[in-house]
Amino acid sequence: MGLQQIEAKVLHLLEEERTKLFRKLVFSLDSPSSEELRAAWLTQAQRRERELDDDSVKAVPGDEVLRKARALIG
């Protein structure tokens, strides 16, 4: 099946179905690889470690973060 045939079939889908397909297609284009995700998380973790070590940020206890988050959404 060629691209034009696929396009014709997609355009006849219900709007909800086209939206779902669109999201899947966009995600497939923008999705980083597992290696890219690992590298990004490692970089972020190292940056946060440096900030905590040099006291440029203050650690906040997890229960306090959850309490504040719940207050914002509740």
PDB file of N, CA and C in Angstrom:
ATOM      1  N   MET A   1       0.854  -1.167   0.000  1.00  0.00           N
ATOM      2  CA  MET A   1       0.000   0.000   0.000  1.00  0.00           C
ATOM      3  C   MET A   1       0.906   1.238   0.000  1.00  0.00           C
ATOM      4  N   GLY A   2       0.642   2.167  -0.888  1.00  0.00           N
ATOM      5  CA  GLY A   2       1.451   3.365  -0.990  1.00  0.00           C
ATOM      6  C   GLY A   2       1.000   4.466  -0.041  1.00  0.00           C
ATOM      7  N   LEU A   3       1.799   5.501   0.043  1.00  0.00           N
ATOM      8  CA  LEU A   3       1.520   6.618   0.945  1.00  0.00           C
ATOM      9  C   LEU A   3       0.187   7.287   0.620  1.00  0.00           C
ATOM     10  N   GLN A   4      -0.115   7.468  -0.652  1.00  0.00           N
ATOM     11  CA  GLN A   4      -1.378   8.111  -1.028  1.00  0.00           C
ATOM     12  C   GLN A   4      -2.578   7.274  -0.604  1.00  0.00           C
ATOM     13  N   GLN A   5      -2.452   5.971  -0.706  1.00  0.00           N
ATOM     14  CA  GLN A   5      -3.547   5.089  -0.288  1.00  0.00           C
ATOM     15  C   GLN A   5      -3.729   5.145   1.228  1.00  0.00           C
ATOM     16  N   ILE A   6      -2.629   5.148   1.939  1.00  0.00           N
ATOM     17  CA  ILE A   6      -2.704   5.238   3.406  1.00  0.00           C
ATOM     18  C   ILE A   6      -3.329   6.560   3.801  1.00  0.00           C
ATOM     19  N   GLU A   7      -2.886   7.633   3.166  1.00  0.00           N
ATOM     20  CA  GLU A   7      -3.431   8.957   3.472  1.00  0.00           C
ATOM     21  C   GLU A   7      -4.936   8.998   3.234  1.00  0.00           C
ATOM     22  N   ALA A   8      -5.382   8.455   2.123  1.00  0.00           N
ATOM     23  CA  ALA A   8      -6.815   8.441   1.817  1.00  0.00           C
ATOM     24  C   ALA A   8      -7.598   7.682   2.880  1.00  0.00           C
ATOM     25  N   LYS A   9      -7.064   6.547   3.324  1.00  0.00           N
ATOM     26  CA  LYS A   9      -7.749   5.761   4.357  1.00  0.00           C
ATOM     27  C   LYS A   9      -7.773   6.510   5.692  1.00  0.00           C
ATOM     28  N   VAL A  10      -6.663   7.131   6.031  1.00  0.00           N
ATOM     29  CA  VAL A  10      -6.577   7.854   7.300  1.00  0.00           C
ATOM     30  C   VAL A  10      -7.562   9.016   7.322  1.00  0.00           C
ATOM     31  N   LEU A  11      -7.688   9.717   6.227  1.00  0.00           N
ATOM     32  CA  LEU A  11      -8.589  10.870   6.178  1.00  0.00           C
ATOM     33  C   LEU A  11     -10.055  10.478   6.301  1.00  0.00           C
ATOM     34  N   HIS A  12     -10.355   9.201   6.122  1.00  0.00           N
ATOM     35  CA  HIS A  12     -11.726   8.732   6.289  1.00  0.00           C
ATOM     36  C   HIS A  12     -12.003   8.197   7.698  1.00  0.00           C
ATOM     37  N   LEU A  13     -10.995   8.200   8.547  1.00  0.00           N
ATOM     38  CA  LEU A  13     -11.195   7.777   9.929  1.00  0.00           C
ATOM     39  C   LEU A  13     -11.972   8.841  10.688  1.00  0.00           C
ATOM     40  N   LEU A  14     -12.585   8.422  11.781  1.00  0.00           N
ATOM     41  CA  LEU A  14     -13.231   9.383  12.669  1.00  0.00           C
ATOM     42  C   LEU A  14     -12.178  10.308  13.263  1.00  0.00           C
ATOM     43  N   GLU A  15     -12.580  11.488  13.649  1.00  0.00           N
ATOM     44  CA  GLU A  15     -11.642  12.473  14.186  1.00  0.00           C
ATOM     45  C   GLU A  15     -10.868  11.917  15.380  1.00  0.00           C
ATOM     46  N   GLU A  16     -11.540  11.222  16.259  1.00  0.00           N
ATOM     47  CA  GLU A  16     -10.882  10.648  17.437  1.00  0.00           C
ATOM     48  C   GLU A  16      -9.794   9.647  17.028  1.00  0.00           C
ATOM     49  N   GLU A  17     -10.089   8.841  16.025  1.00  0.00           N
ATOM     50  CA  GLU A  17      -9.116   7.857  15.546  1.00  0.00           C
ATOM     51  C   GLU A  17      -7.920   8.549  14.887  1.00  0.00           C
ATOM     52  N   ARG A  18      -8.191   9.625  14.104  1.00  0.00           N
ATOM     53  CA  ARG A  18      -7.095  10.374  13.467  1.00  0.00           C
ATOM     54  C   ARG A  18      -6.213  11.034  14.524  1.00  0.00           C
ATOM     55  N   THR A  19      -6.842  11.552  15.566  1.00  0.00           N
ATOM     56  CA  THR A  19      -6.084  12.187  16.644  1.00  0.00           C
ATOM     57  C   THR A  19      -5.178  11.183  17.328  1.00  0.00           C
ATOM     58  N   LYS A  20      -5.709  10.006  17.605  1.00  0.00           N
ATOM     59  CA  LYS A  20      -4.918   8.959  18.248  1.00  0.00           C
ATOM     60  C   LYS A  20      -3.739   8.551  17.363  1.00  0.00           C
ATOM     61  N   LEU A  21      -3.988   8.382  16.084  1.00  0.00           N
ATOM     62  CA  LEU A  21      -2.931   8.027  15.141  1.00  0.00           C
ATOM     63  C   LEU A  21      -1.893   9.138  15.041  1.00  0.00           C
ATOM     64  N   PHE A  22      -2.360  10.374  14.991  1.00  0.00           N
ATOM     65  CA  PHE A  22      -1.466  11.525  14.920  1.00  0.00           C
ATOM     66  C   PHE A  22      -0.514  11.545  16.121  1.00  0.00           C
ATOM     67  N   ARG A  23      -1.065  11.343  17.306  1.00  0.00           N
ATOM     68  CA  ARG A  23      -0.230  11.343  18.511  1.00  0.00           C
ATOM     69  C   ARG A  23       0.828  10.243  18.455  1.00  0.00           C
ATOM     70  N   LYS A  24       0.431   9.070  18.010  1.00  0.00           N
ATOM     71  CA  LYS A  24       1.391   7.965  17.899  1.00  0.00           C
ATOM     72  C   LYS A  24       2.494   8.293  16.905  1.00  0.00           C
ATOM     73  N   LEU A  25       2.125   8.887  15.785  1.00  0.00           N
ATOM     74  CA  LEU A  25       3.115   9.229  14.770  1.00  0.00           C
ATOM     75  C   LEU A  25       4.078  10.301  15.276  1.00  0.00           C
ATOM     76  N   VAL A  26       3.545  11.329  15.912  1.00  0.00           N
ATOM     77  CA  VAL A  26       4.405  12.396  16.439  1.00  0.00           C
ATOM     78  C   VAL A  26       5.325  11.840  17.512  1.00  0.00           C
ATOM     79  N   PHE A  27       4.781  11.020  18.400  1.00  0.00           N
ATOM     80  CA  PHE A  27       5.607  10.437  19.457  1.00  0.00           C
ATOM     81  C   PHE A  27       6.736   9.599  18.860  1.00  0.00           C
ATOM     82  N   SER A  28       6.435   8.885  17.784  1.00  0.00           N
ATOM     83  CA  SER A  28       7.466   8.049  17.179  1.00  0.00           C
ATOM     84  C   SER A  28       8.598   8.887  16.592  1.00  0.00           C
ATOM     85  N   LEU A  29       8.307  10.118  16.211  1.00  0.00           N
ATOM     86  CA  LEU A  29       9.338  11.002  15.650  1.00  0.00           C
ATOM     87  C   LEU A  29      10.143  11.699  16.732  1.00  0.00           C
ATOM     88  N   ASP A  30       9.470  12.081  17.819  1.00  0.00           N
ATOM     89  CA  ASP A  30      10.111  12.871  18.870  1.00  0.00           C
ATOM     90  C   ASP A  30      10.715  12.044  19.981  1.00  0.00           C
ATOM     91  N   SER A  31      10.498  10.762  19.976  1.00  0.00           N
ATOM     92  CA  SER A  31      10.912   9.925  21.075  1.00  0.00           C
ATOM     93  C   SER A  31      12.418   9.665  21.043  1.00  0.00           C
ATOM     94  N   PRO A  32      13.121  10.051  22.115  1.00  0.00           N
ATOM     95  CA  PRO A  32      14.560   9.775  22.161  1.00  0.00           C
ATOM     96  C   PRO A  32      14.822   8.286  22.368  1.00  0.00           C
ATOM     97  N   SER A  33      16.001   7.866  21.978  1.00  0.00           N
ATOM     98  CA  SER A  33      16.375   6.465  22.162  1.00  0.00           C
ATOM     99  C   SER A  33      16.627   6.188  23.636  1.00  0.00           C
ATOM    100  N   SER A  34      16.676   4.923  23.987  1.00  0.00           N
ATOM    101  CA  SER A  34      16.956   4.536  25.375  1.00  0.00           C
ATOM    102  C   SER A  34      18.305   5.086  25.829  1.00  0.00           C
ATOM    103  N   GLU A  35      19.285   5.040  24.956  1.00  0.00           N
ATOM    104  CA  GLU A  35      20.615   5.549  25.290  1.00  0.00           C
ATOM    105  C   GLU A  35      20.576   7.058  25.518  1.00  0.00           C
ATOM    106  N   GLU A  36      19.828   7.775  24.686  1.00  0.00           N
ATOM    107  CA  GLU A  36      19.693   9.221  24.873  1.00  0.00           C
ATOM    108  C   GLU A  36      19.003   9.540  26.196  1.00  0.00           C
ATOM    109  N   LEU A  37      17.976   8.756  26.543  1.00  0.00           N
ATOM    110  CA  LEU A  37      17.289   8.965  27.825  1.00  0.00           C
ATOM    111  C   LEU A  37      18.224   8.711  29.004  1.00  0.00           C
ATOM    112  N   ARG A  38      18.983   7.616  28.937  1.00  0.00           N
ATOM    113  CA  ARG A  38      19.936   7.305  30.015  1.00  0.00           C
ATOM    114  C   ARG A  38      20.961   8.422  30.176  1.00  0.00           C
ATOM    115  N   ALA A  39      21.490   8.914  29.052  1.00  0.00           N
ATOM    116  CA  ALA A  39      22.495   9.974  29.101  1.00  0.00           C
ATOM    117  C   ALA A  39      21.894  11.255  29.685  1.00  0.00           C
ATOM    118  N   ALA A  40      20.673  11.578  29.310  1.00  0.00           N
ATOM    119  CA  ALA A  40      20.016  12.784  29.826  1.00  0.00           C
ATOM    120  C   ALA A  40      19.771  12.676  31.331  1.00  0.00           C
ATOM    121  N   TRP A  41      19.306  11.507  31.786  1.00  0.00           N
ATOM    122  CA  TRP A  41      19.071  11.326  33.221  1.00  0.00           C
ATOM    123  C   TRP A  41      20.378  11.370  34.008  1.00  0.00           C
ATOM    124  N   LEU A  42      21.428  10.787  33.464  1.00  0.00           N
ATOM    125  CA  LEU A  42      22.721  10.817  34.135  1.00  0.00           C
ATOM    126  C   LEU A  42      23.228  12.250  34.253  1.00  0.00           C
ATOM    127  N   THR A  43      23.128  13.011  33.191  1.00  0.00           N
ATOM    128  CA  THR A  43      23.543  14.417  33.205  1.00  0.00           C
ATOM    129  C   THR A  43      22.756  15.198  34.248  1.00  0.00           C
ATOM    130  N   GLN A  44      21.452  14.982  34.285  1.00  0.00           N
ATOM    131  CA  GLN A  44      20.597  15.669  35.257  1.00  0.00           C
ATOM    132  C   GLN A  44      20.969  15.278  36.689  1.00  0.00           C
ATOM    133  N   ALA A  45      21.179  13.996  36.927  1.00  0.00           N
ATOM    134  CA  ALA A  45      21.531  13.530  38.271  1.00  0.00           C
ATOM    135  C   ALA A  45      22.878  14.112  38.712  1.00  0.00           C
ATOM    136  N   GLN A  46      23.844  14.164  37.807  1.00  0.00           N
ATOM    137  CA  GLN A  46      25.157  14.730  38.144  1.00  0.00           C
ATOM    138  C   GLN A  46      25.048  16.221  38.450  1.00  0.00           C
ATOM    139  N   ARG A  47      24.229  16.937  37.673  1.00  0.00           N
ATOM    140  CA  ARG A  47      24.027  18.372  37.928  1.00  0.00           C
ATOM    141  C   ARG A  47      23.399  18.589  39.298  1.00  0.00           C
ATOM    142  N   ARG A  48      22.390  17.797  39.622  1.00  0.00           N
ATOM    143  CA  ARG A  48      21.721  17.940  40.921  1.00  0.00           C
ATOM    144  C   ARG A  48      22.664  17.594  42.076  1.00  0.00           C
ATOM    145  N   GLU A  49      23.495  16.580  41.874  1.00  0.00           N
ATOM    146  CA  GLU A  49      24.466  16.217  42.903  1.00  0.00           C
ATOM    147  C   GLU A  49      25.428  17.381  43.162  1.00  0.00           C
ATOM    148  N   ARG A  50      25.921  17.998  42.092  1.00  0.00           N
ATOM    149  CA  ARG A  50      26.831  19.146  42.242  1.00  0.00           C
ATOM    150  C   ARG A  50      26.145  20.289  42.984  1.00  0.00           C
ATOM    151  N   GLU A  51      24.891  20.561  42.633  1.00  0.00           N
ATOM    152  CA  GLU A  51      24.148  21.647  43.282  1.00  0.00           C
ATOM    153  C   GLU A  51      23.954  21.376  44.770  1.00  0.00           C
ATOM    154  N   LEU A  52      23.670  20.133  45.125  1.00  0.00           N
ATOM    155  CA  LEU A  52      23.526  19.794  46.542  1.00  0.00           C
ATOM    156  C   LEU A  52      24.868  19.887  47.268  1.00  0.00           C
ATOM    157  N   ASP A  53      25.928  19.434  46.605  1.00  0.00           N
ATOM    158  CA  ASP A  53      27.261  19.470  47.220  1.00  0.00           C
ATOM    159  C   ASP A  53      27.762  20.888  47.442  1.00  0.00           C
ATOM    160  N   ASP A  54      27.469  21.793  46.499  1.00  0.00           N
ATOM    161  CA  ASP A  54      27.976  23.160  46.655  1.00  0.00           C
ATOM    162  C   ASP A  54      26.960  24.100  47.313  1.00  0.00           C
ATOM    163  N   ASP A  55      25.884  23.518  47.836  1.00  0.00           N
ATOM    164  CA  ASP A  55      24.848  24.254  48.556  1.00  0.00           C
ATOM    165  C   ASP A  55      24.164  25.345  47.729  1.00  0.00           C
ATOM    166  N   SER A  56      24.138  25.190  46.408  1.00  0.00           N
ATOM    167  CA  SER A  56      23.430  26.168  45.585  1.00  0.00           C
ATOM    168  C   SER A  56      21.925  25.893  45.545  1.00  0.00           C
ATOM    169  N   VAL A  57      21.538  24.699  46.017  1.00  0.00           N
ATOM    170  CA  VAL A  57      20.120  24.377  46.181  1.00  0.00           C
ATOM    171  C   VAL A  57      19.931  23.733  47.544  1.00  0.00           C
ATOM    172  N   LYS A  58      18.709  23.803  48.029  1.00  0.00           N
ATOM    173  CA  LYS A  58      18.396  23.209  49.326  1.00  0.00           C
ATOM    174  C   LYS A  58      17.513  21.980  49.093  1.00  0.00           C
ATOM    175  N   ALA A  59      17.871  20.867  49.698  1.00  0.00           N
ATOM    176  CA  ALA A  59      17.055  19.656  49.591  1.00  0.00           C
ATOM    177  C   ALA A  59      15.755  19.853  50.359  1.00  0.00           C
ATOM    178  N   VAL A  60      14.678  19.330  49.805  1.00  0.00           N
ATOM    179  CA  VAL A  60      13.372  19.416  50.447  1.00  0.00           C
ATOM    180  C   VAL A  60      12.908  17.993  50.714  1.00  0.00           C
ATOM    181  N   PRO A  61      12.522  17.691  51.953  1.00  0.00           N
ATOM    182  CA  PRO A  61      12.059  16.332  52.266  1.00  0.00           C
ATOM    183  C   PRO A  61      10.879  15.927  51.391  1.00  0.00           C
ATOM    184  N   GLY A  62      10.858  14.661  51.001  1.00  0.00           N
ATOM    185  CA  GLY A  62       9.821  14.155  50.112  1.00  0.00           C
ATOM    186  C   GLY A  62       8.415  14.365  50.635  1.00  0.00           C
ATOM    187  N   ASP A  63       8.202  14.176  51.945  1.00  0.00           N
ATOM    188  CA  ASP A  63       6.857  14.351  52.490  1.00  0.00           C
ATOM    189  C   ASP A  63       6.393  15.796  52.374  1.00  0.00           C
ATOM    190  N   GLU A  64       7.318  16.743  52.469  1.00  0.00           N
ATOM    191  CA  GLU A  64       6.964  18.156  52.307  1.00  0.00           C
ATOM    192  C   GLU A  64       6.586  18.454  50.855  1.00  0.00           C
ATOM    193  N   VAL A  65       7.332  17.886  49.926  1.00  0.00           N
ATOM    194  CA  VAL A  65       7.020  18.063  48.502  1.00  0.00           C
ATOM    195  C   VAL A  65       5.631  17.507  48.196  1.00  0.00           C
ATOM    196  N   LEU A  66       5.341  16.302  48.688  1.00  0.00           N
ATOM    197  CA  LEU A  66       4.024  15.705  48.462  1.00  0.00           C
ATOM    198  C   LEU A  66       2.916  16.535  49.081  1.00  0.00           C
ATOM    199  N   ARG A  67       3.142  17.043  50.277  1.00  0.00           N
ATOM    200  CA  ARG A  67       2.130  17.869  50.951  1.00  0.00           C
ATOM    201  C   ARG A  67       1.830  19.110  50.123  1.00  0.00           C
ATOM    202  N   LYS A  68       2.873  19.784  49.630  1.00  0.00           N
ATOM    203  CA  LYS A  68       2.679  20.983  48.818  1.00  0.00           C
ATOM    204  C   LYS A  68       1.994  20.658  47.492  1.00  0.00           C
ATOM    205  N   ALA A  69       2.378  19.540  46.878  1.00  0.00           N
ATOM    206  CA  ALA A  69       1.778  19.146  45.605  1.00  0.00           C
ATOM    207  C   ALA A  69       0.289  18.851  45.793  1.00  0.00           C
ATOM    208  N   ARG A  70      -0.034  18.143  46.857  1.00  0.00           N
ATOM    209  CA  ARG A  70      -1.440  17.817  47.124  1.00  0.00           C
ATOM    210  C   ARG A  70      -2.260  19.083  47.379  1.00  0.00           C
ATOM    211  N   ALA A  71      -1.652  20.040  48.063  1.00  0.00           N
ATOM    212  CA  ALA A  71      -2.347  21.301  48.327  1.00  0.00           C
ATOM    213  C   ALA A  71      -2.624  22.062  47.026  1.00  0.00           C
ATOM    214  N   LEU A  72      -1.696  21.960  46.084  1.00  0.00           N
ATOM    215  CA  LEU A  72      -1.875  22.663  44.812  1.00  0.00           C
ATOM    216  C   LEU A  72      -2.983  22.051  43.951  1.00  0.00           C
ATOM    217  N   ILE A  73      -3.108  20.726  44.005  1.00  0.00           N
ATOM    218  CA  ILE A  73      -4.096  20.069  43.143  1.00  0.00           C
ATOM    219  C   ILE A  73      -5.413  19.796  43.850  1.00  0.00           C
ATOM    220  N   GLY A  74      -5.437  19.925  45.164  1.00  0.00           N
ATOM    221  CA  GLY A  74      -6.647  19.569  45.909  1.00  0.00           C
ATOM    222  C   GLY A  74      -7.342  20.738  46.369  1.00  0.00           C
TER     223      GLY A  74
END
